[in-house]
Protein backbone atom coordinates (compact mmCIF):
# COMPACT_ATOMS: atom_id res chain seq x y z
CA UNK A 1 -19.88 4.30 5.86
CA UNK A 2 -23.55 3.87 6.71
CA UNK A 3 -24.80 5.44 9.94
CA UNK A 4 -24.15 3.19 12.93
CA UNK A 5 -25.44 3.51 16.47
CA UNK A 6 -22.87 3.83 19.20
CA UNK A 7 -24.43 0.83 20.96
CA UNK A 8 -23.79 -1.20 17.80
CA UNK A 9 -20.15 -0.11 17.60
CA UNK A 10 -19.57 -0.76 21.31
CA UNK A 11 -20.97 -4.29 20.91
CA UNK A 12 -18.67 -5.06 17.96
CA UNK A 13 -15.70 -3.52 19.75
CA UNK A 14 -16.32 -5.61 22.85
CA UNK A 15 -16.11 -2.40 24.86
CA UNK A 16 -17.86 -0.68 27.75
CA UNK A 17 -19.99 2.27 26.71
CA UNK A 18 -20.01 5.47 28.75
CA UNK A 19 -22.85 7.49 27.22
CA UNK A 20 -23.06 11.26 27.66
CA UNK A 21 -26.61 11.16 29.02
CA UNK A 22 -29.05 11.98 26.18
CA UNK A 23 -29.20 9.50 23.26
CA UNK A 24 -25.86 9.68 21.46
CA UNK A 25 -25.73 10.82 17.85
CA UNK A 26 -25.12 8.12 15.23
CA UNK A 27 -21.63 7.56 13.88
CA UNK A 28 -21.14 8.24 10.17
CA UNK A 29 -17.35 7.97 9.95
CA UNK A 30 -14.32 6.60 11.80
CA UNK A 31 -11.07 8.59 12.05
CA UNK A 32 -7.67 8.26 13.70
CA UNK A 33 -6.60 11.85 12.98
CA UNK A 34 -8.01 14.38 15.45
CA UNK A 35 -8.00 17.04 12.74
CA UNK A 36 -10.66 15.07 10.87
CA UNK A 37 -12.93 14.64 13.88
CA UNK A 38 -16.28 16.39 13.81
CA UNK A 39 -20.01 15.73 14.13
CA UNK A 40 -20.78 12.09 13.42
CA UNK A 41 -17.18 10.90 13.89
CA UNK A 42 -15.86 8.04 16.01
CA UNK A 43 -12.29 9.00 16.95
CA UNK A 44 -9.96 6.08 17.65
CA UNK A 45 -7.38 7.09 20.26
CA UNK A 46 -4.21 5.15 19.44
CA UNK A 47 -1.16 5.00 21.66
CA UNK A 48 1.80 5.05 19.31
CA UNK A 49 5.56 5.27 19.39
CA UNK A 50 5.55 9.01 18.71
CA UNK A 51 2.16 10.21 19.93
CA UNK A 52 -0.83 9.20 22.02
CA UNK A 53 -4.27 9.90 20.59
CA UNK A 54 -5.67 10.30 24.09
CA UNK A 55 -3.82 13.62 24.28
CA UNK A 56 -6.12 14.99 21.58
CA UNK A 57 -9.45 13.99 23.11
CA UNK A 58 -10.28 17.46 24.41
CA UNK A 59 -9.98 18.91 20.91
CA UNK A 60 -11.97 15.99 19.50
CA UNK A 61 -14.79 16.55 22.00
CA UNK A 62 -14.85 20.27 21.29
CA UNK A 63 -15.06 19.49 17.58
CA UNK A 64 -18.36 17.73 18.24
CA UNK A 65 -17.34 14.09 17.64
CA UNK A 66 -20.04 11.58 18.42
CA UNK A 67 -17.78 9.15 20.29
CA UNK A 68 -14.21 8.12 21.02
CA UNK A 69 -12.74 4.64 21.23
CA UNK A 70 -10.28 4.74 24.14
CA UNK A 71 -8.12 2.49 26.29
CA UNK A 72 -7.18 5.08 28.96
CA UNK A 73 -10.47 5.84 30.72
CA UNK A 74 -8.97 8.28 33.21
CA UNK A 75 -7.40 10.40 30.47
CA UNK A 76 -10.62 10.30 28.48
CA UNK A 77 -12.76 11.43 31.41
CA UNK A 78 -10.32 14.24 32.17
CA UNK A 79 -10.47 15.37 28.54
CA UNK A 80 -14.28 15.40 28.62
CA UNK A 81 -14.27 17.42 31.82
CA UNK A 82 -11.92 19.95 30.26
CA UNK A 83 -13.98 20.11 27.08
CA UNK A 84 -17.17 20.61 29.08
CA UNK A 85 -15.80 23.83 30.58
CA UNK A 86 -15.76 25.50 27.17
CA UNK A 87 -18.51 26.52 24.80
CA UNK A 88 -19.65 23.85 22.33
CA UNK A 89 -20.59 20.17 22.53
CA UNK A 90 -17.88 19.41 25.08
CA UNK A 91 -18.81 16.47 27.28
CA UNK A 92 -21.59 15.28 24.94
CA UNK A 93 -19.10 12.84 23.39
CA UNK A 94 -19.64 9.16 24.26
CA UNK A 95 -16.74 6.88 25.19
CA UNK A 96 -16.20 3.25 24.26
CA UNK A 97 -13.58 1.83 26.63
CA UNK A 98 -11.52 -1.18 25.47
CA UNK A 99 -8.19 -2.75 26.32
CA UNK A 100 -6.59 -2.19 22.89
CA UNK A 101 -8.08 0.37 20.53
CA UNK A 102 -6.34 -1.00 17.42
CA UNK A 103 -7.68 -4.50 18.03
CA UNK A 104 -11.13 -3.05 18.76
CA UNK A 105 -11.02 -1.07 15.51
CA UNK A 106 -10.47 -4.35 13.69
CA UNK A 107 -13.43 -5.95 15.46
CA UNK A 108 -15.66 -3.03 14.53
CA UNK A 109 -14.62 -3.34 10.89
CA UNK A 110 -15.29 -7.09 10.96
CA UNK A 111 -18.80 -6.56 12.33
CA UNK A 112 -19.50 -3.80 9.82
CA UNK A 113 -18.42 -5.96 6.89
CA UNK A 114 -20.40 -8.98 8.06
CA UNK A 115 -23.51 -6.82 8.30
CA UNK A 116 -22.93 -5.37 4.81
CA UNK A 117 -22.57 -8.87 3.35
CA UNK A 118 -25.87 -9.87 4.92
CA UNK A 119 -27.60 -6.76 3.58
CA UNK A 120 -26.18 -7.32 0.08
CA UNK A 121 -27.83 -10.73 -0.19
CA UNK A 122 -28.01 -12.08 -3.73
CA UNK A 123 -26.58 -8.87 -5.17
CA UNK A 124 -23.34 -9.73 -3.45
CA UNK A 125 -20.38 -7.79 -2.12
CA UNK A 126 -17.05 -9.02 -3.47
CA UNK A 127 -14.10 -8.55 -1.11
CA UNK A 128 -10.79 -8.72 -2.95
CA UNK A 129 -7.21 -8.40 -1.72
CA UNK A 130 -3.61 -8.79 -2.80
CA UNK A 131 -0.27 -9.26 -1.08
CA UNK A 132 3.36 -9.67 -2.09
CA UNK A 133 6.77 -8.21 -1.46
CA UNK A 134 6.47 -5.80 -4.40
CA UNK A 135 3.67 -4.43 -6.54
CA UNK A 136 0.78 -4.47 -4.06
CA UNK A 137 -0.23 -0.83 -4.33
CA UNK A 138 0.09 -0.70 -8.12
CA UNK A 139 -1.99 -3.88 -8.40
CA UNK A 140 -4.52 -2.39 -6.00
CA UNK A 141 -4.79 0.75 -8.12
CA UNK A 142 -5.23 -1.24 -11.33
CA UNK A 143 -7.80 -3.57 -9.75
CA UNK A 144 -9.76 -0.62 -8.40
CA UNK A 145 -9.95 0.95 -11.84
CA UNK A 146 -11.03 -2.28 -13.52
CA UNK A 147 -13.78 -2.88 -10.99
CA UNK A 148 -14.95 0.72 -10.68
CA UNK A 149 -15.97 0.54 -14.33
CA UNK A 150 -18.42 -2.21 -13.30
CA UNK A 151 -19.92 -0.86 -10.07
CA UNK A 152 -19.35 1.15 -6.87
CA UNK A 153 -15.88 0.30 -5.56
CA UNK A 154 -14.00 1.12 -2.36
CA UNK A 155 -10.20 0.84 -2.19
CA UNK A 156 -7.55 2.23 0.18
CA UNK A 157 -5.64 5.41 -0.42
CA UNK A 158 -1.88 4.99 -0.89
CA UNK A 159 -0.71 1.97 1.14
CA UNK A 160 -3.35 1.63 3.85
CA UNK A 161 -2.45 -2.03 4.24
CA UNK A 162 -1.90 -2.63 7.95
CA UNK A 163 -3.94 -3.22 11.10
CA UNK A 164 -5.13 0.40 11.09
CA UNK A 165 -5.38 1.26 7.41
CA UNK A 166 -7.26 -1.88 6.39
CA UNK A 167 -10.11 -1.54 8.96
CA UNK A 168 -10.48 2.14 8.07
CA UNK A 169 -10.88 1.15 4.41
CA UNK A 170 -13.45 -1.54 5.27
CA UNK A 171 -15.45 1.00 7.25
CA UNK A 172 -15.74 3.27 4.20
CA UNK A 173 -17.93 0.67 2.47
CA UNK A 174 -21.69 1.14 2.55
CA UNK A 175 -24.83 -0.52 1.20
CA UNK A 176 -24.08 0.62 -2.35
CA UNK A 177 -20.58 -0.90 -2.44
CA UNK A 178 -20.24 -3.71 -4.97
CA UNK A 179 -16.48 -4.27 -4.73
CA UNK A 180 -14.19 -3.80 -1.73
CA UNK A 181 -10.53 -3.86 -2.75
CA UNK A 182 -7.98 -4.30 0.04
CA UNK A 183 -4.19 -4.33 0.17
CA UNK A 184 -2.60 -6.59 2.78
CA UNK A 185 0.94 -6.04 3.99
CA UNK A 186 2.98 -7.75 6.65
CA UNK A 187 5.83 -6.75 8.92
CA UNK A 188 5.59 -9.94 10.97
CA UNK A 189 4.46 -13.57 10.71
CA UNK A 190 0.85 -13.15 11.88
CA UNK A 191 -0.07 -9.80 10.34
CA UNK A 192 -1.98 -11.08 7.30
CA UNK A 193 -3.69 -13.80 9.35
CA UNK A 194 -5.11 -11.01 11.52
CA UNK A 195 -6.18 -8.96 8.50
CA UNK A 196 -8.13 -11.80 6.88
CA UNK A 197 -9.90 -12.33 10.21
CA UNK A 198 -11.22 -8.80 9.80
CA UNK A 199 -12.07 -9.23 6.12
CA UNK A 200 -12.58 -12.79 4.82
CA UNK A 201 -11.97 -12.81 1.08
CA UNK A 202 -13.78 -13.73 -2.12
CA UNK A 203 -10.58 -13.38 -4.17
CA UNK A 204 -6.92 -13.09 -3.19
CA UNK A 205 -3.75 -12.58 -5.23
CA UNK A 206 -0.17 -13.40 -4.28
CA UNK A 207 2.19 -11.36 -6.46
CA UNK A 208 5.76 -12.23 -5.50
CA UNK A 209 7.57 -13.54 -2.46
CA UNK A 210 10.69 -11.45 -2.04
CA UNK A 211 13.14 -10.07 0.47
CA UNK A 212 10.99 -7.53 2.31
CA UNK A 213 11.17 -6.98 6.08
CA UNK A 214 13.52 -9.94 6.41
CA UNK A 215 14.27 -8.84 9.95
CA UNK A 216 10.65 -9.52 10.86
CA UNK A 217 10.43 -12.97 9.26
CA UNK A 218 13.89 -14.50 9.58
CA UNK A 219 13.99 -16.03 6.09
CA UNK A 220 12.29 -15.86 2.73
CA UNK A 221 10.45 -19.05 3.68
CA UNK A 222 9.09 -17.11 6.66
CA UNK A 223 7.91 -14.39 4.28
CA UNK A 224 6.15 -17.01 2.15
CA UNK A 225 4.41 -18.54 5.15
CA UNK A 226 3.18 -15.14 6.29
CA UNK A 227 1.90 -14.23 2.82
CA UNK A 228 0.16 -17.60 2.45
CA UNK A 229 -2.40 -16.57 5.07
CA UNK A 230 -4.15 -14.50 2.41
CA UNK A 231 -4.96 -17.74 0.54
CA UNK A 232 -5.93 -19.50 3.76
CA UNK A 233 -8.26 -16.56 4.45
CA UNK A 234 -10.39 -17.16 1.36
CA UNK A 235 -14.04 -18.03 1.87
CA UNK A 236 -14.99 -21.56 0.73
CA UNK A 237 -16.11 -20.26 -2.68
CA UNK A 238 -13.10 -17.92 -3.00
CA UNK A 239 -10.60 -17.75 -5.85
CA UNK A 240 -6.81 -17.62 -5.46
CA UNK A 241 -4.82 -15.70 -8.10
CA UNK A 242 -1.21 -16.91 -8.02
CA UNK A 243 1.97 -15.89 -9.81
CA UNK A 244 3.16 -18.94 -11.73
CA UNK A 245 6.54 -17.25 -12.33
CA UNK A 246 7.23 -17.23 -8.57
CA UNK A 247 7.72 -20.73 -7.22
CA UNK A 248 6.78 -19.82 -3.67
CA UNK A 249 3.56 -18.13 -4.77
CA UNK A 250 2.67 -20.98 -7.14
CA UNK A 251 3.25 -23.49 -4.33
CA UNK A 252 0.28 -22.03 -2.45
CA UNK A 253 -2.20 -23.72 -4.81
CA UNK A 254 -3.00 -26.58 -2.36
CA UNK A 255 -3.98 -24.02 0.28
CA UNK A 256 -6.79 -22.61 -1.86
CA UNK A 257 -10.28 -23.80 -0.87
CA UNK A 258 -11.61 -23.56 -4.42
CA UNK A 259 -10.75 -22.13 -7.82
CA UNK A 260 -7.20 -21.10 -8.68
CA UNK A 261 -6.17 -18.76 -11.48
CA UNK A 262 -2.49 -18.49 -12.36
CA UNK A 263 -0.74 -15.70 -14.23
CA UNK A 264 2.62 -15.45 -15.96
CA UNK A 265 4.37 -12.32 -17.18
CA UNK A 266 6.95 -14.57 -18.85
CA UNK A 267 4.30 -16.15 -21.07
CA UNK A 268 4.25 -19.61 -19.46
CA UNK A 269 1.64 -21.55 -21.46
CA UNK A 270 0.44 -23.33 -18.32
CA UNK A 271 -0.88 -20.06 -16.89
CA UNK A 272 -4.53 -19.05 -17.12
CA UNK A 273 -3.50 -15.46 -17.76
CA UNK A 274 -0.26 -14.62 -19.55
CA UNK A 275 1.53 -12.02 -21.64
CA UNK A 276 3.51 -12.81 -24.79
CA UNK A 277 5.37 -10.75 -27.37
CA UNK A 278 6.36 -8.17 -24.76
CA UNK A 279 8.01 -4.97 -26.00
CA UNK A 280 8.70 -1.57 -24.49
CA UNK A 281 7.68 1.49 -26.49
CA UNK A 282 9.53 4.81 -26.57
CA UNK A 283 7.97 5.80 -23.23
CA UNK A 284 8.98 2.48 -21.63
CA UNK A 285 5.37 1.27 -21.47
CA UNK A 286 4.93 -2.45 -22.01
CA UNK A 287 3.10 -3.57 -25.13
CA UNK A 288 2.07 -7.23 -25.11
CA UNK A 289 -0.42 -9.82 -26.27
CA UNK A 290 -2.67 -10.45 -23.28
CA UNK A 291 -4.17 -13.94 -23.00
CA UNK A 292 -7.20 -14.34 -20.73
CA UNK A 293 -9.38 -17.41 -20.28
CA UNK A 294 -12.47 -17.24 -22.45
CA UNK A 295 -11.17 -14.52 -24.76
CA UNK A 296 -8.98 -14.24 -27.84
CA UNK A 297 -5.52 -12.73 -27.22
CA UNK A 298 -5.40 -8.99 -27.70
CA UNK A 299 -2.42 -6.68 -28.01
CA UNK A 300 -2.49 -3.92 -25.42
CA UNK A 301 -0.30 -1.08 -24.23
CA UNK A 302 -0.23 -0.69 -20.47
CA UNK A 303 -0.98 2.74 -19.11
CA UNK A 304 2.00 2.73 -16.75
CA UNK A 305 5.74 2.37 -17.45
CA UNK A 306 8.03 -0.56 -16.71
CA UNK A 307 8.09 -4.15 -17.90
CA UNK A 308 7.67 -5.32 -14.30
CA UNK A 309 4.15 -3.89 -14.31
CA UNK A 310 3.00 -6.64 -16.68
CA UNK A 311 2.80 -8.99 -13.70
CA UNK A 312 0.83 -6.42 -11.70
CA UNK A 313 -1.58 -5.92 -14.59
CA UNK A 314 -2.12 -9.67 -14.99
CA UNK A 315 -2.79 -10.03 -11.27
CA UNK A 316 -5.35 -7.22 -11.42
CA UNK A 317 -7.00 -8.84 -14.42
CA UNK A 318 -7.14 -12.16 -12.56
CA UNK A 319 -8.77 -10.55 -9.52
CA UNK A 320 -11.35 -8.83 -11.70
CA UNK A 321 -12.11 -12.13 -13.46
CA UNK A 322 -12.52 -13.77 -10.06
CA UNK A 323 -14.97 -11.00 -9.13
CA UNK A 324 -17.10 -11.93 -12.13
CA UNK A 325 -16.10 -9.33 -14.72
CA UNK A 326 -16.06 -10.52 -18.34
CA UNK A 327 -12.73 -10.95 -20.13
CA UNK A 328 -13.64 -8.71 -23.07
CA UNK A 329 -14.57 -5.83 -20.75
CA UNK A 330 -11.24 -6.19 -18.98
CA UNK A 331 -9.15 -6.16 -22.13
CA UNK A 332 -10.82 -2.91 -23.11
CA UNK A 333 -10.13 -1.39 -19.70
CA UNK A 334 -6.57 -2.45 -18.87
CA UNK A 335 -4.94 -0.12 -21.38
CA UNK A 336 -6.68 2.88 -19.82
CA UNK A 337 -5.74 2.01 -16.23
CA UNK A 338 -2.80 3.97 -14.86
CA UNK A 339 -0.97 5.10 -11.75
CA UNK A 340 -3.02 6.51 -8.88
CA UNK A 341 -0.76 6.37 -5.81
CA UNK A 342 2.25 8.69 -5.51
CA UNK A 343 5.95 7.80 -5.67
CA UNK A 344 5.51 4.62 -7.72
CA UNK A 345 7.26 4.78 -11.09
CA UNK A 346 5.83 8.25 -11.66
CA UNK A 347 7.57 9.81 -14.66
CA UNK A 348 7.65 13.59 -15.08
CA UNK A 349 9.63 16.19 -17.00
CA UNK A 350 12.39 18.28 -15.47
CA UNK A 351 13.63 21.64 -16.75
CA UNK A 352 16.04 21.50 -19.66
CA UNK A 353 14.65 18.25 -21.06
CA UNK A 354 15.41 16.16 -18.01
CA UNK A 355 13.24 13.35 -16.64
CA UNK A 356 12.35 12.36 -13.08
CA UNK A 357 11.49 8.73 -12.37
CA UNK A 358 9.99 8.76 -8.89
CA UNK A 359 9.78 5.25 -7.43
CA UNK A 360 10.61 6.40 -3.94
CA UNK A 361 7.73 5.16 -1.82
CA UNK A 362 9.60 2.12 -0.52
CA UNK A 363 12.28 -0.38 -1.45
CA UNK A 364 13.66 -3.85 -1.00
CA UNK A 365 16.10 -5.67 -3.25
CA UNK A 366 13.33 -7.04 -5.48
CA UNK A 367 11.65 -3.71 -6.13
CA UNK A 368 15.06 -2.05 -6.46
CA UNK A 369 16.01 -4.58 -9.14
CA UNK A 370 12.80 -3.96 -11.09
CA UNK A 371 13.13 -0.19 -10.84
CA UNK A 372 16.76 -0.09 -12.01
CA UNK A 373 15.96 -2.48 -14.86
CA UNK A 374 13.50 0.12 -16.17
CA UNK A 375 16.00 2.99 -16.08
CA UNK A 376 17.66 2.50 -19.50
CA UNK A 377 14.37 2.57 -21.39
CA UNK A 378 13.00 5.49 -19.37
CA UNK A 379 16.21 7.53 -19.60
CA UNK A 380 16.81 7.06 -23.31
CA UNK A 381 19.83 9.10 -24.38
CA UNK A 382 19.90 11.20 -21.20
CA UNK A 383 22.69 10.98 -18.62
CA UNK A 384 21.52 8.59 -15.92
CA UNK A 385 21.56 9.62 -12.27
CA UNK A 386 20.38 7.37 -9.47
CA UNK A 387 19.44 8.57 -5.98
CA UNK A 388 18.95 5.80 -3.44
CA UNK A 389 18.28 5.94 0.27
CA UNK A 390 18.93 3.11 2.65
CA UNK A 391 16.68 0.05 2.38
CA UNK A 392 15.39 -0.60 5.89
CA UNK A 393 14.40 -3.74 7.81
CA UNK A 394 16.40 -6.15 5.64
CA UNK A 395 17.96 -7.97 8.57
CA UNK A 396 21.10 -10.02 7.95
CA UNK A 397 20.92 -9.53 4.17
CA UNK A 398 21.18 -5.74 4.38
CA UNK A 399 24.87 -5.34 3.45
CA UNK A 400 24.68 -7.91 0.64
CA UNK A 401 21.45 -6.44 -0.77
CA UNK A 402 22.90 -2.93 -0.78
CA UNK A 403 26.07 -4.19 -2.49
CA UNK A 404 23.89 -5.85 -5.13
CA UNK A 405 22.10 -2.55 -5.58
CA UNK A 406 25.38 -0.81 -6.31
CA UNK A 407 26.18 -3.35 -9.02
CA UNK A 408 22.70 -2.93 -10.50
CA UNK A 409 23.20 0.83 -10.59
CA UNK A 410 26.32 0.30 -12.68
CA UNK A 411 24.58 -2.26 -14.91
CA UNK A 412 21.82 0.29 -15.57
CA UNK A 413 24.40 2.64 -17.05
CA UNK A 414 24.28 5.25 -14.30
CA UNK A 415 26.90 7.97 -14.49
CA UNK A 416 26.25 9.20 -10.94
CA UNK A 417 24.93 7.60 -7.75
CA UNK A 418 23.81 9.73 -4.81
CA UNK A 419 23.38 7.56 -1.71
CA UNK A 420 21.53 8.54 1.45
CA UNK A 421 22.26 7.05 4.86
CA UNK A 422 25.08 5.01 6.36
CA UNK A 423 23.32 1.74 5.54
CA UNK A 424 23.62 2.50 1.83
CA UNK A 425 27.44 2.55 2.03
CA UNK A 426 27.85 -0.96 0.50
CA UNK A 427 25.88 0.21 -2.54
CA UNK A 428 28.09 3.27 -2.89
CA UNK A 429 31.25 1.16 -2.67
CA UNK A 430 30.05 -1.45 -5.17
CA UNK A 431 29.01 1.20 -7.68
CA UNK A 432 32.29 3.09 -7.24
CA UNK A 433 34.29 -0.06 -7.97
CA UNK A 434 32.44 -0.35 -11.27
CA UNK A 435 33.31 3.14 -12.39
CA UNK A 436 30.23 5.06 -11.26
CA UNK A 437 30.76 8.51 -9.77
CA UNK A 438 29.42 8.37 -6.21
CA UNK A 439 28.33 11.05 -3.76
CA UNK A 440 27.48 9.79 -0.27
CA UNK A 441 25.22 11.85 2.00
CA UNK A 442 24.21 11.13 5.61
CA UNK A 443 20.56 12.03 5.25
CA UNK A 444 17.89 13.41 2.92
CA UNK A 445 18.49 17.01 4.01
CA UNK A 446 22.12 16.84 2.89
CA UNK A 447 21.12 15.14 -0.38
CA UNK A 448 18.58 17.87 -1.10
CA UNK A 449 21.18 20.55 -0.38
CA UNK A 450 23.71 18.98 -2.77
CA UNK A 451 21.44 17.89 -5.60
CA UNK A 452 21.39 21.27 -7.46
CA UNK A 453 25.17 21.20 -7.92
CA UNK A 454 25.20 17.58 -9.04
CA UNK A 455 22.59 17.58 -11.79
CA UNK A 456 22.88 18.98 -15.29
CA UNK A 457 20.03 20.00 -17.61
CA UNK A 458 18.70 17.00 -19.48
CA UNK A 459 19.58 14.37 -16.84
CA UNK A 460 17.32 11.43 -16.12
CA UNK A 461 17.05 10.94 -12.36
CA UNK A 462 15.72 7.77 -10.74
CA UNK A 463 14.88 8.12 -7.03
CA UNK A 464 14.37 4.95 -4.98
CA UNK A 465 14.57 3.98 -1.30
CA UNK A 466 12.72 3.07 1.86
CA UNK A 467 10.13 5.57 2.99
CA UNK A 468 11.69 5.96 6.41
CA UNK A 469 15.09 6.86 4.99
CA UNK A 470 13.83 9.83 3.02
CA UNK A 471 14.25 9.21 -0.72
CA UNK A 472 10.71 10.49 -1.29
CA UNK A 473 11.77 13.90 0.03
CA UNK A 474 14.39 14.19 -2.69
CA UNK A 475 11.81 13.21 -5.29
CA UNK A 476 9.36 15.81 -3.99
CA UNK A 477 12.12 18.42 -4.02
CA UNK A 478 12.97 17.68 -7.64
CA UNK A 479 9.34 17.56 -8.73
CA UNK A 480 8.56 20.89 -7.06
CA UNK A 481 11.76 22.64 -8.06
CA UNK A 482 12.42 23.69 -4.47
CA UNK A 483 12.81 22.52 -0.87
CA UNK A 484 10.23 20.30 0.77
CA UNK A 485 9.48 19.46 4.36
CA UNK A 486 8.67 16.17 6.00
CA UNK A 487 5.01 15.15 5.89
CA UNK A 488 3.00 14.89 9.09
CA UNK A 489 1.81 11.58 10.46
CA UNK A 490 -1.50 10.26 9.16
CA UNK A 491 -2.76 9.51 12.67
CA UNK A 492 -2.54 10.86 16.19
CA UNK A 493 -0.85 7.69 17.40
CA UNK A 494 0.42 4.48 15.96
CA UNK A 495 -0.05 4.08 12.24
CA UNK A 496 2.11 0.95 12.16
CA UNK A 497 5.34 0.30 10.36
CA UNK A 498 5.05 0.18 6.62
CA UNK A 499 3.86 -3.33 5.89
CA UNK A 500 4.88 -5.10 2.74
């Protein structure tokens, strides 16, 4: 982030500035975690379901933060008074008072980005984003790597794809940034519409419309409508990158204001980008002929496992093309691009020749299907064990989707299923009926306690489930060879539900 004056930030936020007296120090970074506050920081105090950032303002002031964005003025003034009684900067921290700090954070990011675009002039700043029910973070990681080879690139860590994570990513960009890569998720109908208001787009990809957060949308058509806002949010010159293999994504073509690029992992000849002759090698990496507009087909091995990642790679290639990168440069780079974010088809060795397939970051029936389809190739001759935790926020389809999961576990040749959570019971029952040994556990702690007695040396273990139901803890336990504890929250306040 470039240095910003507090007056500038208060104007963008639409807030009332309470200065400390002397001219306030410039802001050089924006944080929502009080532990990261220090000189030059703007701390955003967020009232969340589990914590209230206003409770940390005294510590933030004592750490020397330049300013705090607050909605509770009385609490903020009390914190400054308390901080001023101790040694250190204390009450020198400025306050920007607003009605809603999350909304104000978005307005600040919007103003920052608009200013950066103006400064970039003819050199340009390309703002690129993707959405979909599965594959967003992998596509983001691949796109970041393709573009970083061309110029300074900013992209979110992990899945910073909601109304807090996206503005924080935007605010990391500075005058040197050539490409800003954003991931856009949605838990409700208007989420992406609000995100593209913050960051209007030069290129946008829609990966797949699936059964994620059905409780928040009501139907898959509702999911499609929500995701379509990323195409509606393109600037007039912007390019839409659409999955021709997904009818709901392909149907968004008329919404695009300009150029449309389509991609097809199934090799549809109508697509601008497509893969043909797909094979999986001994490490379950896809090898395919990649067809890009303006370049001869070239056979490439993807740097990440799973046939489903062909679609993610094609989407990343399409976004990079839309950003102006040449096709030949991209074909050289795609084979070297790999996984960057944790818990997404990460394959590692276990003692005794075993293998861990950690795809535990999150789950819905579409991503569960893709993950289980990869198990046979990744497991090879090893005994196959599947650990699943409950898939959350599926709404009325929850029981049916879990039952389908149980059948998919059996189809993948699993010898053992370990289920976590009461909601996963239909999966356990469906797998049991198909001859799979099943162990049901109420929570991740119980699963971790029982895992050592259930696994044998040389097993291949696939771990998959929603983040909130704890599958990732089992994966961490297996990867570390010992117990693990729950991670702390990324913010002192609301960090939003995981948006897909």
